[in-house]
Amino acid sequence: MHYIVPGAFLTNNFDITYVAGTLTINPDTLFVSANNQSPALQ
């Protein structure tokens, strides 16, 4: 779990409201595929 700390983003175009919160990142499966090729060497 990561804590989110509100920052100071200021603009005159719109109003921004900050609140403290948390961010949870869950692990997931990563699929990787590659072509079976030889690299070109110079």
C-alpha atoms as a PDB file:
ATOM      1  CA  MET A   1       0.000   0.000   0.000  1.00  0.00           C
ATOM      2  CA  HIS A   2       1.285   3.446  -0.915  1.00  0.00           C
ATOM      3  CA  TYR A   3       0.140   6.659   0.699  1.00  0.00           C
ATOM      4  CA  ILE A   4      -0.896   9.456  -1.629  1.00  0.00           C
ATOM      5  CA  VAL A   5       0.007  12.921  -0.397  1.00  0.00           C
ATOM      6  CA  PRO A   6      -1.873  15.810  -2.026  1.00  0.00           C
ATOM      7  CA  GLY A   7       0.308  18.259  -3.912  1.00  0.00           C
ATOM      8  CA  ALA A   8       0.052  21.895  -4.874  1.00  0.00           C
ATOM      9  CA  PHE A   9      -1.253  22.133  -8.424  1.00  0.00           C
ATOM     10  CA  LEU A  10      -2.541  25.634  -9.007  1.00  0.00           C
ATOM     11  CA  THR A  11      -4.516  26.928 -11.975  1.00  0.00           C
ATOM     12  CA  ASN A  12      -7.043  29.653 -12.694  1.00  0.00           C
ATOM     13  CA  ASN A  13      -8.962  27.466 -15.184  1.00  0.00           C
ATOM     14  CA  PHE A  14     -10.720  25.255 -12.613  1.00  0.00           C
ATOM     15  CA  ASP A  15     -10.960  24.456  -8.902  1.00  0.00           C
ATOM     16  CA  ILE A  16      -8.989  21.516  -7.484  1.00  0.00           C
ATOM     17  CA  THR A  17      -9.778  19.808  -4.177  1.00  0.00           C
ATOM     18  CA  TYR A  18      -7.190  17.535  -2.540  1.00  0.00           C
ATOM     19  CA  VAL A  19      -7.844  14.686  -0.117  1.00  0.00           C
ATOM     20  CA  ALA A  20      -5.445  12.154   1.392  1.00  0.00           C
ATOM     21  CA  GLY A  21      -5.785   8.601   0.130  1.00  0.00           C
ATOM     22  CA  THR A  22      -4.080   5.281  -0.453  1.00  0.00           C
ATOM     23  CA  LEU A  23      -3.095   3.390  -3.588  1.00  0.00           C
ATOM     24  CA  THR A  24      -2.942  -0.391  -3.648  1.00  0.00           C
ATOM     25  CA  ILE A  25      -1.157  -2.134  -6.534  1.00  0.00           C
ATOM     26  CA  ASN A  26      -1.951  -5.821  -6.858  1.00  0.00           C
ATOM     27  CA  PRO A  27       0.416  -8.199  -8.669  1.00  0.00           C
ATOM     28  CA  ASP A  28      -0.728  -9.620 -11.992  1.00  0.00           C
ATOM     29  CA  THR A  29       0.584 -12.050 -14.582  1.00  0.00           C
ATOM     30  CA  LEU A  30       2.978 -10.720 -17.228  1.00  0.00           C
ATOM     31  CA  PHE A  31       3.105 -12.527 -20.556  1.00  0.00           C
ATOM     32  CA  VAL A  32       6.215 -12.067 -22.702  1.00  0.00           C
ATOM     33  CA  SER A  33       6.875 -13.446 -26.153  1.00  0.00           C
ATOM     34  CA  ALA A  34       9.881 -12.987 -28.402  1.00  0.00           C
ATOM     35  CA  ASN A  35      10.867 -13.927 -31.930  1.00  0.00           C
ATOM     36  CA  ASN A  36      13.678 -16.478 -32.112  1.00  0.00           C
ATOM     37  CA  GLN A  37      16.098 -14.336 -34.154  1.00  0.00           C
ATOM     38  CA  SER A  38      19.791 -13.570 -34.030  1.00  0.00           C
ATOM     39  CA  PRO A  39      20.810  -9.917 -33.578  1.00  0.00           C
ATOM     40  CA  ALA A  40      22.614  -8.140 -36.414  1.00  0.00           C
ATOM     41  CA  LEU A  41      26.181  -7.463 -35.292  1.00  0.00           C
ATOM     42  CA  GLN A  42      28.327  -4.786 -36.895  1.00  0.00           C
END
